[in-house]
Amino acid sequence: MIQTTSGLFKGLLVTAGVALATGCVSQSSLDEVKAMASKASQDAAAAMSMAKSASSAASAASDAAARAQRTADSAASAANESQQCCVRTNEKMDRMFQDMMKK
């Protein structure tokens, strides 16, 4: 969008320059070119503002995703530790049962 607007602005300036050089530009034509250039400049500023907002939103989303990943990693670690504890408890119970059967 910015490149297109910038290209349009440059094209308008070149057109105005050529028209002035050839001497066939009326004041109304010049005013029209100025208005178009002003509009192009405003459009470029609006596009830049939207791009900055989008960049900020993308950065916030990236930060949120990183926090979510850390939370998921922590939950997976806790689940793994819990599973290991369960396995150890079952092994203890099996040994106790085997010891009781020997007696």
PDB file of N, CA and C in Angstrom:
ATOM      1  N   MET A   1       0.834  -1.194   0.000  1.00  0.00           N
ATOM      2  CA  MET A   1       0.000   0.000   0.000  1.00  0.00           C
ATOM      3  C   MET A   1       0.870   1.244   0.000  1.00  0.00           C
ATOM      4  N   ILE A   2       1.914   1.239   0.849  1.00  0.00           N
ATOM      5  CA  ILE A   2       2.785   2.413   0.951  1.00  0.00           C
ATOM      6  C   ILE A   2       3.549   2.595  -0.350  1.00  0.00           C
ATOM      7  N   GLN A   3       4.051   1.509  -0.922  1.00  0.00           N
ATOM      8  CA  GLN A   3       4.797   1.616  -2.166  1.00  0.00           C
ATOM      9  C   GLN A   3       3.886   2.110  -3.287  1.00  0.00           C
ATOM     10  N   THR A   4       2.666   1.616  -3.333  1.00  0.00           N
ATOM     11  CA  THR A   4       1.719   2.041  -4.366  1.00  0.00           C
ATOM     12  C   THR A   4       1.411   3.520  -4.218  1.00  0.00           C
ATOM     13  N   THR A   5       1.180   3.959  -2.992  1.00  0.00           N
ATOM     14  CA  THR A   5       0.878   5.367  -2.745  1.00  0.00           C
ATOM     15  C   THR A   5       2.087   6.223  -3.064  1.00  0.00           C
ATOM     16  N   SER A   6       3.251   5.771  -2.681  1.00  0.00           N
ATOM     17  CA  SER A   6       4.477   6.501  -2.966  1.00  0.00           C
ATOM     18  C   SER A   6       4.695   6.597  -4.477  1.00  0.00           C
ATOM     19  N   GLY A   7       4.449   5.498  -5.185  1.00  0.00           N
ATOM     20  CA  GLY A   7       4.587   5.498  -6.643  1.00  0.00           C
ATOM     21  C   GLY A   7       3.598   6.450  -7.284  1.00  0.00           C
ATOM     22  N   LEU A   8       2.367   6.463  -6.750  1.00  0.00           N
ATOM     23  CA  LEU A   8       1.342   7.371  -7.268  1.00  0.00           C
ATOM     24  C   LEU A   8       1.763   8.816  -7.047  1.00  0.00           C
ATOM     25  N   PHE A   9       2.275   9.083  -5.865  1.00  0.00           N
ATOM     26  CA  PHE A   9       2.716  10.430  -5.527  1.00  0.00           C
ATOM     27  C   PHE A   9       3.840  10.873  -6.464  1.00  0.00           C
ATOM     28  N   LYS A  10       4.810  10.010  -6.688  1.00  0.00           N
ATOM     29  CA  LYS A  10       5.917  10.337  -7.592  1.00  0.00           C
ATOM     30  C   LYS A  10       5.409  10.549  -9.014  1.00  0.00           C
ATOM     31  N   GLY A  11       4.478   9.692  -9.423  1.00  0.00           N
ATOM     32  CA  GLY A  11       3.905   9.838 -10.767  1.00  0.00           C
ATOM     33  C   GLY A  11       3.190  11.171 -10.930  1.00  0.00           C
ATOM     34  N   LEU A  12       2.477  11.578  -9.902  1.00  0.00           N
ATOM     35  CA  LEU A  12       1.775  12.860  -9.953  1.00  0.00           C
ATOM     36  C   LEU A  12       2.766  14.018 -10.048  1.00  0.00           C
ATOM     37  N   LEU A  13       3.838  13.918  -9.287  1.00  0.00           N
ATOM     38  CA  LEU A  13       4.832  14.981  -9.328  1.00  0.00           C
ATOM     39  C   LEU A  13       5.515  15.054 -10.692  1.00  0.00           C
ATOM     40  N   VAL A  14       5.831  13.914 -11.277  1.00  0.00           N
ATOM     41  CA  VAL A  14       6.449  13.896 -12.599  1.00  0.00           C
ATOM     42  C   VAL A  14       5.487  14.477 -13.626  1.00  0.00           C
ATOM     43  N   THR A  15       4.214  14.059 -13.539  1.00  0.00           N
ATOM     44  CA  THR A  15       3.212  14.582 -14.469  1.00  0.00           C
ATOM     45  C   THR A  15       3.082  16.095 -14.331  1.00  0.00           C
ATOM     46  N   ALA A  16       3.053  16.564 -13.106  1.00  0.00           N
ATOM     47  CA  ALA A  16       2.950  18.005 -12.886  1.00  0.00           C
ATOM     48  C   ALA A  16       4.186  18.723 -13.424  1.00  0.00           C
ATOM     49  N   GLY A  17       5.353  18.138 -13.189  1.00  0.00           N
ATOM     50  CA  GLY A  17       6.588  18.754 -13.680  1.00  0.00           C
ATOM     51  C   GLY A  17       6.625  18.823 -15.192  1.00  0.00           C
ATOM     52  N   VAL A  18       6.225  17.735 -15.854  1.00  0.00           N
ATOM     53  CA  VAL A  18       6.205  17.724 -17.322  1.00  0.00           C
ATOM     54  C   VAL A  18       5.198  18.738 -17.840  1.00  0.00           C
ATOM     55  N   ALA A  19       4.042  18.774 -17.218  1.00  0.00           N
ATOM     56  CA  ALA A  19       3.009  19.712 -17.669  1.00  0.00           C
ATOM     57  C   ALA A  19       3.467  21.153 -17.484  1.00  0.00           C
ATOM     58  N   LEU A  20       4.128  21.429 -16.362  1.00  0.00           N
ATOM     59  CA  LEU A  20       4.631  22.785 -16.134  1.00  0.00           C
ATOM     60  C   LEU A  20       5.717  23.134 -17.153  1.00  0.00           C
ATOM     61  N   ALA A  21       6.569  22.179 -17.445  1.00  0.00           N
ATOM     62  CA  ALA A  21       7.658  22.418 -18.386  1.00  0.00           C
ATOM     63  C   ALA A  21       7.133  22.717 -19.782  1.00  0.00           C
ATOM     64  N   THR A  22       6.034  22.084 -20.139  1.00  0.00           N
ATOM     65  CA  THR A  22       5.485  22.319 -21.473  1.00  0.00           C
ATOM     66  C   THR A  22       4.576  23.533 -21.500  1.00  0.00           C
ATOM     67  N   GLY A  23       4.229  24.059 -20.336  1.00  0.00           N
ATOM     68  CA  GLY A  23       3.447  25.279 -20.287  1.00  0.00           C
ATOM     69  C   GLY A  23       1.965  25.097 -20.561  1.00  0.00           C
ATOM     70  N   CYS A  24       1.454  23.889 -20.444  1.00  0.00           N
ATOM     71  CA  CYS A  24       0.043  23.675 -20.757  1.00  0.00           C
ATOM     72  C   CYS A  24      -0.780  23.349 -19.529  1.00  0.00           C
ATOM     73  N   VAL A  25      -0.353  23.815 -18.379  1.00  0.00           N
ATOM     74  CA  VAL A  25      -1.080  23.515 -17.153  1.00  0.00           C
ATOM     75  C   VAL A  25      -1.838  24.751 -16.708  1.00  0.00           C
ATOM     76  N   SER A  26      -3.098  24.555 -16.453  1.00  0.00           N
ATOM     77  CA  SER A  26      -3.900  25.652 -15.907  1.00  0.00           C
ATOM     78  C   SER A  26      -3.836  25.567 -14.387  1.00  0.00           C
ATOM     79  N   GLN A  27      -4.272  26.600 -13.738  1.00  0.00           N
ATOM     80  CA  GLN A  27      -4.265  26.620 -12.268  1.00  0.00           C
ATOM     81  C   GLN A  27      -5.160  25.521 -11.719  1.00  0.00           C
ATOM     82  N   SER A  28      -6.285  25.270 -12.356  1.00  0.00           N
ATOM     83  CA  SER A  28      -7.193  24.229 -11.862  1.00  0.00           C
ATOM     84  C   SER A  28      -6.544  22.847 -11.982  1.00  0.00           C
ATOM     85  N   SER A  29      -5.780  22.619 -13.046  1.00  0.00           N
ATOM     86  CA  SER A  29      -5.082  21.342 -13.188  1.00  0.00           C
ATOM     87  C   SER A  29      -4.017  21.187 -12.108  1.00  0.00           C
ATOM     88  N   LEU A  30      -3.306  22.265 -11.841  1.00  0.00           N
ATOM     89  CA  LEU A  30      -2.285  22.243 -10.812  1.00  0.00           C
ATOM     90  C   LEU A  30      -2.910  21.998  -9.439  1.00  0.00           C
ATOM     91  N   ASP A  31      -4.029  22.641  -9.170  1.00  0.00           N
ATOM     92  CA  ASP A  31      -4.737  22.437  -7.902  1.00  0.00           C
ATOM     93  C   ASP A  31      -5.214  20.989  -7.772  1.00  0.00           C
ATOM     94  N   GLU A  32      -5.644  20.430  -8.881  1.00  0.00           N
ATOM     95  CA  GLU A  32      -6.102  19.036  -8.881  1.00  0.00           C
ATOM     96  C   GLU A  32      -4.939  18.095  -8.561  1.00  0.00           C
ATOM     97  N   VAL A  33      -3.782  18.349  -9.146  1.00  0.00           N
ATOM     98  CA  VAL A  33      -2.605  17.527  -8.882  1.00  0.00           C
ATOM     99  C   VAL A  33      -2.179  17.676  -7.422  1.00  0.00           C
ATOM    100  N   LYS A  34      -2.227  18.891  -6.903  1.00  0.00           N
ATOM    101  CA  LYS A  34      -1.878  19.108  -5.501  1.00  0.00           C
ATOM    102  C   LYS A  34      -2.831  18.358  -4.582  1.00  0.00           C
ATOM    103  N   ALA A  35      -4.107  18.380  -4.901  1.00  0.00           N
ATOM    104  CA  ALA A  35      -5.096  17.673  -4.087  1.00  0.00           C
ATOM    105  C   ALA A  35      -4.850  16.168  -4.124  1.00  0.00           C
ATOM    106  N   MET A  36      -4.524  15.651  -5.298  1.00  0.00           N
ATOM    107  CA  MET A  36      -4.236  14.220  -5.422  1.00  0.00           C
ATOM    108  C   MET A  36      -2.979  13.853  -4.632  1.00  0.00           C
ATOM    109  N   ALA A  37      -1.986  14.716  -4.687  1.00  0.00           N
ATOM    110  CA  ALA A  37      -0.749  14.471  -3.948  1.00  0.00           C
ATOM    111  C   ALA A  37      -1.009  14.504  -2.440  1.00  0.00           C
ATOM    112  N   SER A  38      -1.833  15.441  -2.011  1.00  0.00           N
ATOM    113  CA  SER A  38      -2.174  15.540  -0.596  1.00  0.00           C
ATOM    114  C   SER A  38      -2.921  14.289  -0.138  1.00  0.00           C
ATOM    115  N   LYS A  39      -3.858  13.830  -0.945  1.00  0.00           N
ATOM    116  CA  LYS A  39      -4.618  12.610  -0.625  1.00  0.00           C
ATOM    117  C   LYS A  39      -3.680  11.405  -0.553  1.00  0.00           C
ATOM    118  N   ALA A  40      -2.747  11.325  -1.504  1.00  0.00           N
ATOM    119  CA  ALA A  40      -1.790  10.216  -1.506  1.00  0.00           C
ATOM    120  C   ALA A  40      -0.931  10.250  -0.249  1.00  0.00           C
ATOM    121  N   SER A  41      -0.533  11.410   0.176  1.00  0.00           N
ATOM    122  CA  SER A  41       0.269  11.560   1.386  1.00  0.00           C
ATOM    123  C   SER A  41      -0.532  11.139   2.623  1.00  0.00           C
ATOM    124  N   GLN A  42      -1.789  11.525   2.681  1.00  0.00           N
ATOM    125  CA  GLN A  42      -2.650  11.127   3.803  1.00  0.00           C
ATOM    126  C   GLN A  42      -2.855   9.613   3.820  1.00  0.00           C
ATOM    127  N   ASP A  43      -3.060   9.033   2.631  1.00  0.00           N
ATOM    128  CA  ASP A  43      -3.234   7.583   2.542  1.00  0.00           C
ATOM    129  C   ASP A  43      -1.971   6.858   3.008  1.00  0.00           C
ATOM    130  N   ALA A  44      -0.819   7.392   2.644  1.00  0.00           N
ATOM    131  CA  ALA A  44       0.448   6.782   3.067  1.00  0.00           C
ATOM    132  C   ALA A  44       0.601   6.854   4.583  1.00  0.00           C
ATOM    133  N   ALA A  45       0.234   7.977   5.174  1.00  0.00           N
ATOM    134  CA  ALA A  45       0.322   8.128   6.629  1.00  0.00           C
ATOM    135  C   ALA A  45      -0.633   7.159   7.326  1.00  0.00           C
ATOM    136  N   ALA A  46      -1.827   6.999   6.790  1.00  0.00           N
ATOM    137  CA  ALA A  46      -2.793   6.064   7.370  1.00  0.00           C
ATOM    138  C   ALA A  46      -2.287   4.626   7.257  1.00  0.00           C
ATOM    139  N   ALA A  47      -1.705   4.298   6.131  1.00  0.00           N
ATOM    140  CA  ALA A  47      -1.163   2.947   5.935  1.00  0.00           C
ATOM    141  C   ALA A  47      -0.014   2.686   6.905  1.00  0.00           C
ATOM    142  N   MET A  48       0.819   3.668   7.123  1.00  0.00           N
ATOM    143  CA  MET A  48       1.934   3.523   8.059  1.00  0.00           C
ATOM    144  C   MET A  48       1.407   3.312   9.474  1.00  0.00           C
ATOM    145  N   SER A  49       0.374   4.036   9.842  1.00  0.00           N
ATOM    146  CA  SER A  49      -0.225   3.883  11.166  1.00  0.00           C
ATOM    147  C   SER A  49      -0.808   2.479  11.338  1.00  0.00           C
ATOM    148  N   MET A  50      -1.490   1.989  10.319  1.00  0.00           N
ATOM    149  CA  MET A  50      -2.055   0.636  10.388  1.00  0.00           C
ATOM    150  C   MET A  50      -0.946  -0.409  10.469  1.00  0.00           C
ATOM    151  N   ALA A  51       0.131  -0.196   9.749  1.00  0.00           N
ATOM    152  CA  ALA A  51       1.249  -1.139   9.787  1.00  0.00           C
ATOM    153  C   ALA A  51       1.881  -1.183  11.178  1.00  0.00           C
ATOM    154  N   LYS A  52       2.024  -0.024  11.804  1.00  0.00           N
ATOM    155  CA  LYS A  52       2.586   0.015  13.159  1.00  0.00           C
ATOM    156  C   LYS A  52       1.665  -0.698  14.143  1.00  0.00           C
ATOM    157  N   SER A  53       0.345  -0.495  13.999  1.00  0.00           N
ATOM    158  CA  SER A  53      -0.616  -1.170  14.880  1.00  0.00           C
ATOM    159  C   SER A  53      -0.554  -2.683  14.686  1.00  0.00           C
ATOM    160  N   ALA A  54      -0.466  -3.109  13.443  1.00  0.00           N
ATOM    161  CA  ALA A  54      -0.390  -4.543  13.154  1.00  0.00           C
ATOM    162  C   ALA A  54       0.886  -5.137  13.728  1.00  0.00           C
ATOM    163  N   SER A  55       1.974  -4.418  13.628  1.00  0.00           N
ATOM    164  CA  SER A  55       3.243  -4.897  14.177  1.00  0.00           C
ATOM    165  C   SER A  55       3.158  -5.036  15.693  1.00  0.00           C
ATOM    166  N   SER A  56       2.536  -4.073  16.330  1.00  0.00           N
ATOM    167  CA  SER A  56       2.373  -4.119  17.783  1.00  0.00           C
ATOM    168  C   SER A  56       1.494  -5.300  18.189  1.00  0.00           C
ATOM    169  N   ALA A  57       0.413  -5.518  17.457  1.00  0.00           N
ATOM    170  CA  ALA A  57      -0.474  -6.643  17.758  1.00  0.00           C
ATOM    171  C   ALA A  57       0.237  -7.973  17.545  1.00  0.00           C
ATOM    172  N   ALA A  58       1.034  -8.062  16.505  1.00  0.00           N
ATOM    173  CA  ALA A  58       1.780  -9.295  16.235  1.00  0.00           C
ATOM    174  C   ALA A  58       2.796  -9.566  17.341  1.00  0.00           C
ATOM    175  N   SER A  59       3.428  -8.534  17.829  1.00  0.00           N
ATOM    176  CA  SER A  59       4.395  -8.686  18.914  1.00  0.00           C
ATOM    177  C   SER A  59       3.698  -9.166  20.191  1.00  0.00           C
ATOM    178  N   ALA A  60       2.529  -8.603  20.479  1.00  0.00           N
ATOM    179  CA  ALA A  60       1.772  -9.023  21.663  1.00  0.00           C
ATOM    180  C   ALA A  60       1.322 -10.476  21.526  1.00  0.00           C
ATOM    181  N   ALA A  61       0.903 -10.859  20.336  1.00  0.00           N
ATOM    182  CA  ALA A  61       0.480 -12.245  20.100  1.00  0.00           C
ATOM    183  C   ALA A  61       1.656 -13.204  20.259  1.00  0.00           C
ATOM    184  N   SER A  62       2.806 -12.805  19.789  1.00  0.00           N
ATOM    185  CA  SER A  62       4.005 -13.641  19.932  1.00  0.00           C
ATOM    186  C   SER A  62       4.365 -13.823  21.407  1.00  0.00           C
ATOM    187  N   ASP A  63       4.278 -12.755  22.179  1.00  0.00           N
ATOM    188  CA  ASP A  63       4.557 -12.836  23.615  1.00  0.00           C
ATOM    189  C   ASP A  63       3.563 -13.765  24.306  1.00  0.00           C
ATOM    190  N   ALA A  64       2.294 -13.650  23.949  1.00  0.00           N
ATOM    191  CA  ALA A  64       1.263 -14.509  24.545  1.00  0.00           C
ATOM    192  C   ALA A  64       1.504 -15.978  24.181  1.00  0.00           C
ATOM    193  N   ALA A  65       1.899 -16.224  22.952  1.00  0.00           N
ATOM    194  CA  ALA A  65       2.177 -17.600  22.527  1.00  0.00           C
ATOM    195  C   ALA A  65       3.372 -18.171  23.291  1.00  0.00           C
ATOM    196  N   ALA A  66       4.380 -17.360  23.524  1.00  0.00           N
ATOM    197  CA  ALA A  66       5.554 -17.815  24.279  1.00  0.00           C
ATOM    198  C   ALA A  66       5.169 -18.153  25.718  1.00  0.00           C
ATOM    199  N   ARG A  67       4.308 -17.314  26.330  1.00  0.00           N
ATOM    200  CA  ARG A  67       3.845 -17.600  27.696  1.00  0.00           C
ATOM    201  C   ARG A  67       3.031 -18.893  27.723  1.00  0.00           C
ATOM    202  N   ALA A  68       2.174 -19.080  26.734  1.00  0.00           N
ATOM    203  CA  ALA A  68       1.364 -20.296  26.670  1.00  0.00           C
ATOM    204  C   ALA A  68       2.246 -21.526  26.510  1.00  0.00           C
ATOM    205  N   GLN A  69       3.300 -21.420  25.716  1.00  0.00           N
ATOM    206  CA  GLN A  69       4.211 -22.548  25.531  1.00  0.00           C
ATOM    207  C   GLN A  69       4.927 -22.884  26.832  1.00  0.00           C
ATOM    208  N   ARG A  70       5.362 -21.852  27.571  1.00  0.00           N
ATOM    209  CA  ARG A  70       6.017 -22.105  28.857  1.00  0.00           C
ATOM    210  C   ARG A  70       5.057 -22.791  29.832  1.00  0.00           C
ATOM    211  N   THR A  71       3.798 -22.362  29.835  1.00  0.00           N
ATOM    212  CA  THR A  71       2.794 -22.978  30.708  1.00  0.00           C
ATOM    213  C   THR A  71       2.563 -24.432  30.314  1.00  0.00           C
ATOM    214  N   ALA A  72       2.463 -24.693  29.023  1.00  0.00           N
ATOM    215  CA  ALA A  72       2.269 -26.065  28.545  1.00  0.00           C
ATOM    216  C   ALA A  72       3.464 -26.941  28.887  1.00  0.00           C
ATOM    217  N   ASP A  73       4.667 -26.404  28.737  1.00  0.00           N
ATOM    218  CA  ASP A  73       5.873 -27.162  29.089  1.00  0.00           C
ATOM    219  C   ASP A  73       5.894 -27.499  30.582  1.00  0.00           C
ATOM    220  N   SER A  74       5.496 -26.537  31.404  1.00  0.00           N
ATOM    221  CA  SER A  74       5.455 -26.756  32.848  1.00  0.00           C
ATOM    222  C   SER A  74       4.418 -27.826  33.204  1.00  0.00           C
ATOM    223  N   ALA A  75       3.262 -27.771  32.565  1.00  0.00           N
ATOM    224  CA  ALA A  75       2.215 -28.770  32.818  1.00  0.00           C
ATOM    225  C   ALA A  75       2.675 -30.159  32.379  1.00  0.00           C
ATOM    226  N   ALA A  76       3.355 -30.248  31.256  1.00  0.00           N
ATOM    227  CA  ALA A  76       3.859 -31.539  30.777  1.00  0.00           C
ATOM    228  C   ALA A  76       4.903 -32.094  31.747  1.00  0.00           C
ATOM    229  N   SER A  77       5.745 -31.220  32.268  1.00  0.00           N
ATOM    230  CA  SER A  77       6.757 -31.653  33.230  1.00  0.00           C
ATOM    231  C   SER A  77       6.087 -32.171  34.506  1.00  0.00           C
ATOM    232  N   ALA A  78       5.088 -31.460  34.997  1.00  0.00           N
ATOM    233  CA  ALA A  78       4.377 -31.893  36.207  1.00  0.00           C
ATOM    234  C   ALA A  78       3.675 -33.227  35.976  1.00  0.00           C
ATOM    235  N   ALA A  79       3.080 -33.402  34.816  1.00  0.00           N
ATOM    236  CA  ALA A  79       2.408 -34.666  34.503  1.00  0.00           C
ATOM    237  C   ALA A  79       3.417 -35.808  34.441  1.00  0.00           C
ATOM    238  N   ASN A  80       4.574 -35.553  33.878  1.00  0.00           N
ATOM    239  CA  ASN A  80       5.619 -36.568  33.798  1.00  0.00           C
ATOM    240  C   ASN A  80       6.102 -36.967  35.197  1.00  0.00           C
ATOM    241  N   GLU A  81       6.317 -35.985  36.056  1.00  0.00           N
ATOM    242  CA  GLU A  81       6.736 -36.267  37.429  1.00  0.00           C
ATOM    243  C   GLU A  81       5.673 -37.077  38.164  1.00  0.00           C
ATOM    244  N   SER A  82       4.430 -36.729  37.961  1.00  0.00           N
ATOM    245  CA  SER A  82       3.334 -37.457  38.591  1.00  0.00           C
ATOM    246  C   SER A  82       3.299 -38.904  38.120  1.00  0.00           C
ATOM    247  N   GLN A  83       3.492 -39.116  36.838  1.00  0.00           N
ATOM    248  CA  GLN A  83       3.506 -40.476  36.289  1.00  0.00           C
ATOM    249  C   GLN A  83       4.657 -41.288  36.887  1.00  0.00           C
ATOM    250  N   GLN A  84       5.808 -40.669  37.015  1.00  0.00           N
ATOM    251  CA  GLN A  84       6.969 -41.364  37.592  1.00  0.00           C
ATOM    252  C   GLN A  84       6.705 -41.753  39.050  1.00  0.00           C
ATOM    253  N   CYS A  85       6.053 -40.855  39.771  1.00  0.00           N
ATOM    254  CA  CYS A  85       5.711 -41.141  41.164  1.00  0.00           C
ATOM    255  C   CYS A  85       4.758 -42.338  41.223  1.00  0.00           C
ATOM    256  N   CYS A  86       3.784 -42.370  40.330  1.00  0.00           N
ATOM    257  CA  CYS A  86       2.816 -43.463  40.274  1.00  0.00           C
ATOM    258  C   CYS A  86       3.522 -44.791  39.979  1.00  0.00           C
ATOM    259  N   VAL A  87       4.447 -44.769  39.060  1.00  0.00           N
ATOM    260  CA  VAL A  87       5.197 -45.986  38.718  1.00  0.00           C
ATOM    261  C   VAL A  87       5.987 -46.469  39.936  1.00  0.00           C
ATOM    262  N   ARG A  88       6.660 -45.542  40.632  1.00  0.00           N
ATOM    263  CA  ARG A  88       7.434 -45.925  41.816  1.00  0.00           C
ATOM    264  C   ARG A  88       6.527 -46.508  42.911  1.00  0.00           C
ATOM    265  N   THR A  89       5.365 -45.892  43.097  1.00  0.00           N
ATOM    266  CA  THR A  89       4.417 -46.391  44.105  1.00  0.00           C
ATOM    267  C   THR A  89       3.938 -47.789  43.740  1.00  0.00           C
ATOM    268  N   ASN A  90       3.628 -48.023  42.485  1.00  0.00           N
ATOM    269  CA  ASN A  90       3.197 -49.359  42.057  1.00  0.00           C
ATOM    270  C   ASN A  90       4.305 -50.388  42.261  1.00  0.00           C
ATOM    271  N   GLU A  91       5.527 -49.999  41.977  1.00  0.00           N
ATOM    272  CA  GLU A  91       6.653 -50.914  42.182  1.00  0.00           C
ATOM    273  C   GLU A  91       6.803 -51.275  43.660  1.00  0.00           C
ATOM    274  N   LYS A  92       6.647 -50.284  44.546  1.00  0.00           N
ATOM    275  CA  LYS A  92       6.720 -50.537  45.980  1.00  0.00           C
ATOM    276  C   LYS A  92       5.624 -51.506  46.414  1.00  0.00           C
ATOM    277  N   MET A  93       4.413 -51.249  45.923  1.00  0.00           N
ATOM    278  CA  MET A  93       3.299 -52.114  46.295  1.00  0.00           C
ATOM    279  C   MET A  93       3.526 -53.540  45.793  1.00  0.00           C
ATOM    280  N   ASP A  94       4.060 -53.678  44.597  1.00  0.00           N
ATOM    281  CA  ASP A  94       4.350 -55.009  44.058  1.00  0.00           C
ATOM    282  C   ASP A  94       5.383 -55.729  44.929  1.00  0.00           C
ATOM    283  N   ARG A  95       6.419 -55.019  45.357  1.00  0.00           N
ATOM    284  CA  ARG A  95       7.447 -55.641  46.209  1.00  0.00           C
ATOM    285  C   ARG A  95       6.857 -56.053  47.558  1.00  0.00           C
ATOM    286  N   MET A  96       5.994 -55.162  48.104  1.00  0.00           N
ATOM    287  CA  MET A  96       5.365 -55.492  49.385  1.00  0.00           C
ATOM    288  C   MET A  96       4.476 -56.725  49.236  1.00  0.00           C
ATOM    289  N   PHE A  97       3.720 -56.800  48.169  1.00  0.00           N
ATOM    290  CA  PHE A  97       2.849 -57.945  47.932  1.00  0.00           C
ATOM    291  C   PHE A  97       3.672 -59.224  47.778  1.00  0.00           C
ATOM    292  N   GLN A  98       4.767 -59.130  47.046  1.00  0.00           N
ATOM    293  CA  GLN A  98       5.635 -60.297  46.850  1.00  0.00           C
ATOM    294  C   GLN A  98       6.250 -60.741  48.171  1.00  0.00           C
ATOM    295  N   ASP A  99       6.659 -59.780  48.999  1.00  0.00           N
ATOM    296  CA  ASP A  99       7.227 -60.106  50.306  1.00  0.00           C
ATOM    297  C   ASP A  99       6.188 -60.803  51.177  1.00  0.00           C
ATOM    298  N   MET A 100       4.945 -60.357  51.120  1.00  0.00           N
ATOM    299  CA  MET A 100       3.874 -60.974  51.917  1.00  0.00           C
ATOM    300  C   MET A 100       3.600 -62.399  51.408  1.00  0.00           C
ATOM    301  N   MET A 101       3.681 -62.617  50.139  1.00  0.00           N
ATOM    302  CA  MET A 101       3.422 -63.948  49.578  1.00  0.00           C
ATOM    303  C   MET A 101       4.521 -64.932  49.955  1.00  0.00           C
ATOM    304  N   LYS A 102       5.712 -64.455  50.178  1.00  0.00           N
ATOM    305  CA  LYS A 102       6.838 -65.332  50.535  1.00  0.00           C
ATOM    306  C   LYS A 102       6.689 -65.839  51.960  1.00  0.00           C
ATOM    307  N   LYS A 103       6.027 -65.122  52.789  1.00  0.00           N
ATOM    308  CA  LYS A 103       5.935 -65.491  54.212  1.00  0.00           C
ATOM    309  C   LYS A 103       4.918 -66.537  54.451  1.00  0.00           C
TER     310      LYS A 103
END
